[in-house]
Amino acid sequence: MKSAYELAMERLSSQEPTRKVSDALKKTLAEIDTTYQAKIAERETFLGTKIAGARAVGAHEEAAILQEELARDLRGIREEWDRKKEQARSAN
């Protein structure tokens, strides 16, 4: 006897055919991932150092502002990352 989850998955797979991902698309998506992972690491390193410095000298308000800036920057990078991946998928 199948569970409700298994039945739902069967219905979904019958309604939407599985898409095969070409090697070119895989390569493009991997390049996009690498680029945006590097952007995230760069922002975390740059602002993380400033945040740590601000906390070390007791400037907690400045550290909080920098933390918010980091969160905003990371959110923007992730949104752009998702957009680029969707563009790559829709182009193929």
PDB file of N, CA and C in Angstrom:
ATOM      1  N   MET A   1       0.840  -1.170   0.000  1.00  0.00           N
ATOM      2  CA  MET A   1       0.000   0.000   0.000  1.00  0.00           C
ATOM      3  C   MET A   1       0.894   1.245   0.000  1.00  0.00           C
ATOM      4  N   LYS A   2       0.575   2.196  -0.855  1.00  0.00           N
ATOM      5  CA  LYS A   2       1.386   3.398  -1.011  1.00  0.00           C
ATOM      6  C   LYS A   2       0.925   4.479  -0.042  1.00  0.00           C
ATOM      7  N   SER A   3       1.908   5.263   0.380  1.00  0.00           N
ATOM      8  CA  SER A   3       1.581   6.369   1.277  1.00  0.00           C
ATOM      9  C   SER A   3       0.992   7.524   0.467  1.00  0.00           C
ATOM     10  N   ALA A   4       0.421   8.469   1.164  1.00  0.00           N
ATOM     11  CA  ALA A   4      -0.152   9.652   0.508  1.00  0.00           C
ATOM     12  C   ALA A   4       0.938  10.422  -0.224  1.00  0.00           C
ATOM     13  N   TYR A   5       2.113  10.463   0.340  1.00  0.00           N
ATOM     14  CA  TYR A   5       3.238  11.152  -0.291  1.00  0.00           C
ATOM     15  C   TYR A   5       3.594  10.491  -1.623  1.00  0.00           C
ATOM     16  N   GLU A   6       3.691   9.172  -1.627  1.00  0.00           N
ATOM     17  CA  GLU A   6       4.034   8.453  -2.862  1.00  0.00           C
ATOM     18  C   GLU A   6       2.964   8.654  -3.934  1.00  0.00           C
ATOM     19  N   LEU A   7       1.705   8.652  -3.533  1.00  0.00           N
ATOM     20  CA  LEU A   7       0.629   8.881  -4.499  1.00  0.00           C
ATOM     21  C   LEU A   7       0.684  10.299  -5.065  1.00  0.00           C
ATOM     22  N   ALA A   8       0.959  11.257  -4.213  1.00  0.00           N
ATOM     23  CA  ALA A   8       1.063  12.643  -4.668  1.00  0.00           C
ATOM     24  C   ALA A   8       2.235  12.810  -5.629  1.00  0.00           C
ATOM     25  N   MET A   9       3.348  12.178  -5.341  1.00  0.00           N
ATOM     26  CA  MET A   9       4.513  12.271  -6.218  1.00  0.00           C
ATOM     27  C   MET A   9       4.230  11.633  -7.574  1.00  0.00           C
ATOM     28  N   GLU A  10       3.505  10.533  -7.582  1.00  0.00           N
ATOM     29  CA  GLU A  10       3.131   9.901  -8.855  1.00  0.00           C
ATOM     30  C   GLU A  10       2.246  10.826  -9.675  1.00  0.00           C
ATOM     31  N   ARG A  11       1.295  11.478  -9.029  1.00  0.00           N
ATOM     32  CA  ARG A  11       0.419  12.416  -9.743  1.00  0.00           C
ATOM     33  C   ARG A  11       1.211  13.578 -10.320  1.00  0.00           C
ATOM     34  N   LEU A  12       2.128  14.097  -9.531  1.00  0.00           N
ATOM     35  CA  LEU A  12       2.949  15.214 -10.004  1.00  0.00           C
ATOM     36  C   LEU A  12       3.812  14.804 -11.192  1.00  0.00           C
ATOM     37  N   SER A  13       4.417  13.649 -11.112  1.00  0.00           N
ATOM     38  CA  SER A  13       5.291  13.222 -12.203  1.00  0.00           C
ATOM     39  C   SER A  13       4.510  12.915 -13.466  1.00  0.00           C
ATOM     40  N   SER A  14       3.259  12.506 -13.344  1.00  0.00           N
ATOM     41  CA  SER A  14       2.464  12.231 -14.534  1.00  0.00           C
ATOM     42  C   SER A  14       1.962  13.530 -15.163  1.00  0.00           C
ATOM     43  N   GLN A  15       1.799  14.577 -14.372  1.00  0.00           N
ATOM     44  CA  GLN A  15       1.322  15.850 -14.892  1.00  0.00           C
ATOM     45  C   GLN A  15       2.439  16.656 -15.541  1.00  0.00           C
ATOM     46  N   GLU A  16       3.620  16.589 -14.999  1.00  0.00           N
ATOM     47  CA  GLU A  16       4.734  17.359 -15.518  1.00  0.00           C
ATOM     48  C   GLU A  16       5.857  16.407 -15.888  1.00  0.00           C
ATOM     49  N   PRO A  17       6.213  16.351 -17.148  1.00  0.00           N
ATOM     50  CA  PRO A  17       7.289  15.439 -17.545  1.00  0.00           C
ATOM     51  C   PRO A  17       8.630  15.895 -16.969  1.00  0.00           C
ATOM     52  N   THR A  18       9.491  14.943 -16.751  1.00  0.00           N
ATOM     53  CA  THR A  18      10.803  15.283 -16.232  1.00  0.00           C
ATOM     54  C   THR A  18      11.622  15.968 -17.316  1.00  0.00           C
ATOM     55  N   ARG A  19      12.353  16.977 -16.897  1.00  0.00           N
ATOM     56  CA  ARG A  19      13.186  17.701 -17.854  1.00  0.00           C
ATOM     57  C   ARG A  19      14.609  17.191 -17.746  1.00  0.00           C
ATOM     58  N   LYS A  20      15.208  16.983 -18.887  1.00  0.00           N
ATOM     59  CA  LYS A  20      16.610  16.580 -18.892  1.00  0.00           C
ATOM     60  C   LYS A  20      17.461  17.834 -19.013  1.00  0.00           C
ATOM     61  N   VAL A  21      18.514  17.863 -18.252  1.00  0.00           N
ATOM     62  CA  VAL A  21      19.404  19.012 -18.239  1.00  0.00           C
ATOM     63  C   VAL A  21      20.621  18.679 -19.101  1.00  0.00           C
ATOM     64  N   SER A  22      20.875  19.529 -20.085  1.00  0.00           N
ATOM     65  CA  SER A  22      22.005  19.290 -20.986  1.00  0.00           C
ATOM     66  C   SER A  22      23.316  19.568 -20.254  1.00  0.00           C
ATOM     67  N   ASP A  23      24.386  19.031 -20.807  1.00  0.00           N
ATOM     68  CA  ASP A  23      25.701  19.263 -20.215  1.00  0.00           C
ATOM     69  C   ASP A  23      26.074  20.738 -20.276  1.00  0.00           C
ATOM     70  N   ALA A  24      25.678  21.411 -21.351  1.00  0.00           N
ATOM     71  CA  ALA A  24      25.973  22.845 -21.481  1.00  0.00           C
ATOM     72  C   ALA A  24      25.267  23.642 -20.385  1.00  0.00           C
ATOM     73  N   LEU A  25      24.005  23.292 -20.106  1.00  0.00           N
ATOM     74  CA  LEU A  25      23.269  23.983 -19.049  1.00  0.00           C
ATOM     75  C   LEU A  25      23.884  23.690 -17.688  1.00  0.00           C
ATOM     76  N   LYS A  26      24.286  22.448 -17.469  1.00  0.00           N
ATOM     77  CA  LYS A  26      24.941  22.103 -16.203  1.00  0.00           C
ATOM     78  C   LYS A  26      26.202  22.939 -16.004  1.00  0.00           C
ATOM     79  N   LYS A  27      26.978  23.087 -17.081  1.00  0.00           N
ATOM     80  CA  LYS A  27      28.217  23.865 -17.003  1.00  0.00           C
ATOM     81  C   LYS A  27      27.901  25.332 -16.720  1.00  0.00           C
ATOM     82  N   THR A  28      26.902  25.873 -17.409  1.00  0.00           N
ATOM     83  CA  THR A  28      26.511  27.272 -17.207  1.00  0.00           C
ATOM     84  C   THR A  28      26.051  27.497 -15.772  1.00  0.00           C
ATOM     85  N   LEU A  29      25.208  26.600 -15.262  1.00  0.00           N
ATOM     86  CA  LEU A  29      24.719  26.734 -13.886  1.00  0.00           C
ATOM     87  C   LEU A  29      25.862  26.625 -12.875  1.00  0.00           C
ATOM     88  N   ALA A  30      26.821  25.747 -13.150  1.00  0.00           N
ATOM     89  CA  ALA A  30      27.970  25.596 -12.254  1.00  0.00           C
ATOM     90  C   ALA A  30      28.812  26.871 -12.249  1.00  0.00           C
ATOM     91  N   GLU A  31      28.984  27.486 -13.422  1.00  0.00           N
ATOM     92  CA  GLU A  31      29.737  28.740 -13.501  1.00  0.00           C
ATOM     93  C   GLU A  31      29.022  29.854 -12.742  1.00  0.00           C
ATOM     94  N   ILE A  32      27.708  29.912 -12.880  1.00  0.00           N
ATOM     95  CA  ILE A  32      26.921  30.906 -12.154  1.00  0.00           C
ATOM     96  C   ILE A  32      27.064  30.687 -10.648  1.00  0.00           C
ATOM     97  N   ASP A  33      26.957  29.429 -10.216  1.00  0.00           N
ATOM     98  CA  ASP A  33      27.100  29.110  -8.790  1.00  0.00           C
ATOM     99  C   ASP A  33      28.465  29.551  -8.264  1.00  0.00           C
ATOM    100  N   THR A  34      29.514  29.238  -9.016  1.00  0.00           N
ATOM    101  CA  THR A  34      30.871  29.599  -8.593  1.00  0.00           C
ATOM    102  C   THR A  34      31.026  31.111  -8.472  1.00  0.00           C
ATOM    103  N   THR A  35      30.517  31.837  -9.463  1.00  0.00           N
ATOM    104  CA  THR A  35      30.618  33.295  -9.458  1.00  0.00           C
ATOM    105  C   THR A  35      29.922  33.897  -8.248  1.00  0.00           C
ATOM    106  N   TYR A  36      28.699  33.457  -7.992  1.00  0.00           N
ATOM    107  CA  TYR A  36      27.935  34.061  -6.903  1.00  0.00           C
ATOM    108  C   TYR A  36      28.386  33.577  -5.528  1.00  0.00           C
ATOM    109  N   GLN A  37      28.917  32.375  -5.431  1.00  0.00           N
ATOM    110  CA  GLN A  37      29.506  31.942  -4.165  1.00  0.00           C
ATOM    111  C   GLN A  37      30.722  32.807  -3.834  1.00  0.00           C
ATOM    112  N   ALA A  38      31.488  33.163  -4.871  1.00  0.00           N
ATOM    113  CA  ALA A  38      32.649  34.027  -4.670  1.00  0.00           C
ATOM    114  C   ALA A  38      32.219  35.429  -4.248  1.00  0.00           C
ATOM    115  N   LYS A  39      31.149  35.945  -4.862  1.00  0.00           N
ATOM    116  CA  LYS A  39      30.649  37.269  -4.484  1.00  0.00           C
ATOM    117  C   LYS A  39      30.208  37.286  -3.028  1.00  0.00           C
ATOM    118  N   ILE A  40      29.529  36.234  -2.616  1.00  0.00           N
ATOM    119  CA  ILE A  40      29.076  36.146  -1.223  1.00  0.00           C
ATOM    120  C   ILE A  40      30.274  36.077  -0.277  1.00  0.00           C
ATOM    121  N   ALA A  41      31.242  35.249  -0.609  1.00  0.00           N
ATOM    122  CA  ALA A  41      32.428  35.122   0.243  1.00  0.00           C
ATOM    123  C   ALA A  41      33.172  36.450   0.339  1.00  0.00           C
ATOM    124  N   GLU A  42      33.244  37.171  -0.767  1.00  0.00           N
ATOM    125  CA  GLU A  42      33.926  38.465  -0.771  1.00  0.00           C
ATOM    126  C   GLU A  42      33.234  39.458   0.162  1.00  0.00           C
ATOM    127  N   ARG A  43      31.905  39.555   0.071  1.00  0.00           N
ATOM    128  CA  ARG A  43      31.163  40.492   0.936  1.00  0.00           C
ATOM    129  C   ARG A  43      31.270  40.085   2.401  1.00  0.00           C
ATOM    130  N   GLU A  44      31.156  38.768   2.659  1.00  0.00           N
ATOM    131  CA  GLU A  44      31.250  38.304   4.046  1.00  0.00           C
ATOM    132  C   GLU A  44      32.622  38.602   4.631  1.00  0.00           C
ATOM    133  N   THR A  45      33.656  38.429   3.832  1.00  0.00           N
ATOM    134  CA  THR A  45      35.017  38.696   4.307  1.00  0.00           C
ATOM    135  C   THR A  45      35.214  40.188   4.544  1.00  0.00           C
ATOM    136  N   PHE A  46      34.830  40.997   3.553  1.00  0.00           N
ATOM    137  CA  PHE A  46      35.033  42.436   3.644  1.00  0.00           C
ATOM    138  C   PHE A  46      34.261  43.040   4.816  1.00  0.00           C
ATOM    139  N   LEU A  47      32.956  42.812   4.852  1.00  0.00           N
ATOM    140  CA  LEU A  47      32.153  43.399   5.923  1.00  0.00           C
ATOM    141  C   LEU A  47      32.346  42.684   7.252  1.00  0.00           C
ATOM    142  N   GLY A  48      32.626  41.382   7.196  1.00  0.00           N
ATOM    143  CA  GLY A  48      32.877  40.637   8.429  1.00  0.00           C
ATOM    144  C   GLY A  48      34.065  41.193   9.190  1.00  0.00           C
ATOM    145  N   THR A  49      35.112  41.581   8.457  1.00  0.00           N
ATOM    146  CA  THR A  49      36.288  42.180   9.074  1.00  0.00           C
ATOM    147  C   THR A  49      35.938  43.524   9.711  1.00  0.00           C
ATOM    148  N   LYS A  50      35.147  44.315   9.001  1.00  0.00           N
ATOM    149  CA  LYS A  50      34.731  45.617   9.552  1.00  0.00           C
ATOM    150  C   LYS A  50      33.851  45.432  10.787  1.00  0.00           C
ATOM    151  N   ILE A  51      32.942  44.451  10.741  1.00  0.00           N
ATOM    152  CA  ILE A  51      32.058  44.181  11.879  1.00  0.00           C
ATOM    153  C   ILE A  51      32.887  43.762  13.093  1.00  0.00           C
ATOM    154  N   ALA A  52      33.833  42.855  12.871  1.00  0.00           N
ATOM    155  CA  ALA A  52      34.675  42.393  13.973  1.00  0.00           C
ATOM    156  C   ALA A  52      35.497  43.544  14.548  1.00  0.00           C
ATOM    157  N   GLY A  53      36.009  44.410  13.677  1.00  0.00           N
ATOM    158  CA  GLY A  53      36.779  45.563  14.141  1.00  0.00           C
ATOM    159  C   GLY A  53      35.936  46.521  14.965  1.00  0.00           C
ATOM    160  N   ALA A  54      34.716  46.761  14.506  1.00  0.00           N
ATOM    161  CA  ALA A  54      33.815  47.654  15.235  1.00  0.00           C
ATOM    162  C   ALA A  54      33.473  47.076  16.609  1.00  0.00           C
ATOM    163  N   ARG A  55      33.237  45.774  16.657  1.00  0.00           N
ATOM    164  CA  ARG A  55      32.915  45.142  17.945  1.00  0.00           C
ATOM    165  C   ARG A  55      34.115  45.168  18.888  1.00  0.00           C
ATOM    166  N   ALA A  56      35.307  45.018  18.308  1.00  0.00           N
ATOM    167  CA  ALA A  56      36.522  44.981  19.132  1.00  0.00           C
ATOM    168  C   ALA A  56      36.752  46.305  19.847  1.00  0.00           C
ATOM    169  N   VAL A  57      36.371  47.411  19.205  1.00  0.00           N
ATOM    170  CA  VAL A  57      36.575  48.716  19.851  1.00  0.00           C
ATOM    171  C   VAL A  57      35.327  49.180  20.597  1.00  0.00           C
ATOM    172  N   GLY A  58      34.305  48.338  20.645  1.00  0.00           N
ATOM    173  CA  GLY A  58      33.104  48.667  21.405  1.00  0.00           C
ATOM    174  C   GLY A  58      32.073  49.482  20.653  1.00  0.00           C
ATOM    175  N   ALA A  59      32.209  49.598  19.349  1.00  0.00           N
ATOM    176  CA  ALA A  59      31.248  50.354  18.532  1.00  0.00           C
ATOM    177  C   ALA A  59      30.129  49.410  18.088  1.00  0.00           C
ATOM    178  N   HIS A  60      29.293  49.031  19.045  1.00  0.00           N
ATOM    179  CA  HIS A  60      28.260  48.036  18.770  1.00  0.00           C
ATOM    180  C   HIS A  60      27.182  48.558  17.820  1.00  0.00           C
ATOM    181  N   GLU A  61      26.908  49.845  17.876  1.00  0.00           N
ATOM    182  CA  GLU A  61      25.905  50.421  16.975  1.00  0.00           C
ATOM    183  C   GLU A  61      26.399  50.366  15.527  1.00  0.00           C
ATOM    184  N   GLU A  62      27.662  50.704  15.329  1.00  0.00           N
ATOM    185  CA  GLU A  62      28.245  50.631  13.989  1.00  0.00           C
ATOM    186  C   GLU A  62      28.281  49.180  13.500  1.00  0.00           C
ATOM    187  N   ALA A  63      28.601  48.263  14.406  1.00  0.00           N
ATOM    188  CA  ALA A  63      28.621  46.844  14.045  1.00  0.00           C
ATOM    189  C   ALA A  63      27.236  46.374  13.618  1.00  0.00           C
ATOM    190  N   ALA A  64      26.191  46.839  14.300  1.00  0.00           N
ATOM    191  CA  ALA A  64      24.824  46.458  13.947  1.00  0.00           C
ATOM    192  C   ALA A  64      24.450  47.013  12.571  1.00  0.00           C
ATOM    193  N   ILE A  65      24.869  48.242  12.290  1.00  0.00           N
ATOM    194  CA  ILE A  65      24.592  48.845  10.978  1.00  0.00           C
ATOM    195  C   ILE A  65      25.304  48.053   9.879  1.00  0.00           C
ATOM    196  N   LEU A  66      26.557  47.691  10.130  1.00  0.00           N
ATOM    197  CA  LEU A  66      27.310  46.900   9.150  1.00  0.00           C
ATOM    198  C   LEU A  66      26.698  45.516   8.971  1.00  0.00           C
ATOM    199  N   GLN A  67      26.194  44.935  10.055  1.00  0.00           N
ATOM    200  CA  GLN A  67      25.540  43.626   9.981  1.00  0.00           C
ATOM    201  C   GLN A  67      24.295  43.705   9.102  1.00  0.00           C
ATOM    202  N   GLU A  68      23.528  44.788   9.253  1.00  0.00           N
ATOM    203  CA  GLU A  68      22.343  44.983   8.411  1.00  0.00           C
ATOM    204  C   GLU A  68      22.738  45.176   6.955  1.00  0.00           C
ATOM    205  N   GLU A  69      23.819  45.915   6.720  1.00  0.00           N
ATOM    206  CA  GLU A  69      24.310  46.121   5.348  1.00  0.00           C
ATOM    207  C   GLU A  69      24.714  44.784   4.730  1.00  0.00           C
ATOM    208  N   LEU A  70      25.385  43.957   5.517  1.00  0.00           N
ATOM    209  CA  LEU A  70      25.789  42.638   5.037  1.00  0.00           C
ATOM    210  C   LEU A  70      24.573  41.801   4.671  1.00  0.00           C
ATOM    211  N   ALA A  71      23.570  41.794   5.527  1.00  0.00           N
ATOM    212  CA  ALA A  71      22.351  41.024   5.259  1.00  0.00           C
ATOM    213  C   ALA A  71      21.671  41.513   3.982  1.00  0.00           C
ATOM    214  N   ARG A  72      21.608  42.834   3.798  1.00  0.00           N
ATOM    215  CA  ARG A  72      20.999  43.422   2.596  1.00  0.00           C
ATOM    216  C   ARG A  72      21.785  43.026   1.341  1.00  0.00           C
ATOM    217  N   ASP A  73      23.118  43.140   1.435  1.00  0.00           N
ATOM    218  CA  ASP A  73      23.967  42.790   0.300  1.00  0.00           C
ATOM    219  C   ASP A  73      23.819  41.316  -0.070  1.00  0.00           C
ATOM    220  N   LEU A  74      23.820  40.455   0.929  1.00  0.00           N
ATOM    221  CA  LEU A  74      23.697  39.018   0.667  1.00  0.00           C
ATOM    222  C   LEU A  74      22.342  38.682   0.053  1.00  0.00           C
ATOM    223  N   ARG A  75      21.294  39.326   0.534  1.00  0.00           N
ATOM    224  CA  ARG A  75      19.962  39.109  -0.023  1.00  0.00           C
ATOM    225  C   ARG A  75      19.930  39.521  -1.503  1.00  0.00           C
ATOM    226  N   GLY A  76      20.533  40.661  -1.811  1.00  0.00           N
ATOM    227  CA  GLY A  76      20.588  41.132  -3.186  1.00  0.00           C
ATOM    228  C   GLY A  76      21.380  40.200  -4.088  1.00  0.00           C
ATOM    229  N   ILE A  77      22.507  39.711  -3.582  1.00  0.00           N
ATOM    230  CA  ILE A  77      23.334  38.787  -4.358  1.00  0.00           C
ATOM    231  C   ILE A  77      22.564  37.495  -4.623  1.00  0.00           C
ATOM    232  N   ARG A  78      21.884  36.981  -3.607  1.00  0.00           N
ATOM    233  CA  ARG A  78      21.129  35.725  -3.785  1.00  0.00           C
ATOM    234  C   ARG A  78      19.970  35.900  -4.766  1.00  0.00           C
ATOM    235  N   GLU A  79      19.316  37.060  -4.721  1.00  0.00           N
ATOM    236  CA  GLU A  79      18.226  37.318  -5.672  1.00  0.00           C
ATOM    237  C   GLU A  79      18.764  37.388  -7.090  1.00  0.00           C
ATOM    238  N   GLU A  80      19.892  38.069  -7.272  1.00  0.00           N
ATOM    239  CA  GLU A  80      20.511  38.156  -8.599  1.00  0.00           C
ATOM    240  C   GLU A  80      20.959  36.774  -9.070  1.00  0.00           C
ATOM    241  N   TRP A  81      21.486  35.979  -8.149  1.00  0.00           N
ATOM    242  CA  TRP A  81      21.939  34.621  -8.431  1.00  0.00           C
ATOM    243  C   TRP A  81      20.768  33.785  -8.960  1.00  0.00           C
ATOM    244  N   ASP A  82      19.651  33.832  -8.250  1.00  0.00           N
ATOM    245  CA  ASP A  82      18.465  33.091  -8.681  1.00  0.00           C
ATOM    246  C   ASP A  82      17.977  33.559 -10.050  1.00  0.00           C
ATOM    247  N   ARG A  83      17.987  34.878 -10.278  1.00  0.00           N
ATOM    248  CA  ARG A  83      17.564  35.427 -11.579  1.00  0.00           C
ATOM    249  C   ARG A  83      18.444  34.911 -12.707  1.00  0.00           C
ATOM    250  N   LYS A  84      19.753  34.914 -12.495  1.00  0.00           N
ATOM    251  CA  LYS A  84      20.688  34.439 -13.517  1.00  0.00           C
ATOM    252  C   LYS A  84      20.466  32.966 -13.831  1.00  0.00           C
ATOM    253  N   LYS A  85      20.211  32.171 -12.798  1.00  0.00           N
ATOM    254  CA  LYS A  85      19.975  30.749 -13.018  1.00  0.00           C
ATOM    255  C   LYS A  85      18.672  30.513 -13.783  1.00  0.00           C
ATOM    256  N   GLU A  86      17.645  31.279 -13.452  1.00  0.00           N
ATOM    257  CA  GLU A  86      16.369  31.150 -14.170  1.00  0.00           C
ATOM    258  C   GLU A  86      16.520  31.581 -15.622  1.00  0.00           C
ATOM    259  N   GLN A  87      17.305  32.633 -15.875  1.00  0.00           N
ATOM    260  CA  GLN A  87      17.544  33.071 -17.248  1.00  0.00           C
ATOM    261  C   GLN A  87      18.265  31.976 -18.028  1.00  0.00           C
ATOM    262  N   ALA A  88      19.238  31.341 -17.401  1.00  0.00           N
ATOM    263  CA  ALA A  88      19.973  30.276 -18.064  1.00  0.00           C
ATOM    264  C   ALA A  88      19.059  29.089 -18.372  1.00  0.00           C
ATOM    265  N   ARG A  89      18.199  28.754 -17.421  1.00  0.00           N
ATOM    266  CA  ARG A  89      17.272  27.633 -17.627  1.00  0.00           C
ATOM    267  C   ARG A  89      16.266  27.931 -18.730  1.00  0.00           C
ATOM    268  N   SER A  90      15.752  29.151 -18.765  1.00  0.00           N
ATOM    269  CA  SER A  90      14.735  29.488 -19.765  1.00  0.00           C
ATOM    270  C   SER A  90      15.352  29.675 -21.152  1.00  0.00           C
ATOM    271  N   ALA A  91      16.645  29.963 -21.217  1.00  0.00           N
ATOM    272  CA  ALA A  91      17.314  30.125 -22.507  1.00  0.00           C
ATOM    273  C   ALA A  91      17.525  28.771 -23.176  1.00  0.00           C
ATOM    274  N   ASN A  92      17.536  27.707 -22.400  1.00  0.00           N
ATOM    275  CA  ASN A  92      17.760  26.357 -22.960  1.00  0.00           C
ATOM    276  C   ASN A  92      16.479  25.608 -23.097  1.00  0.00           C
TER     277      ASN A  92
END
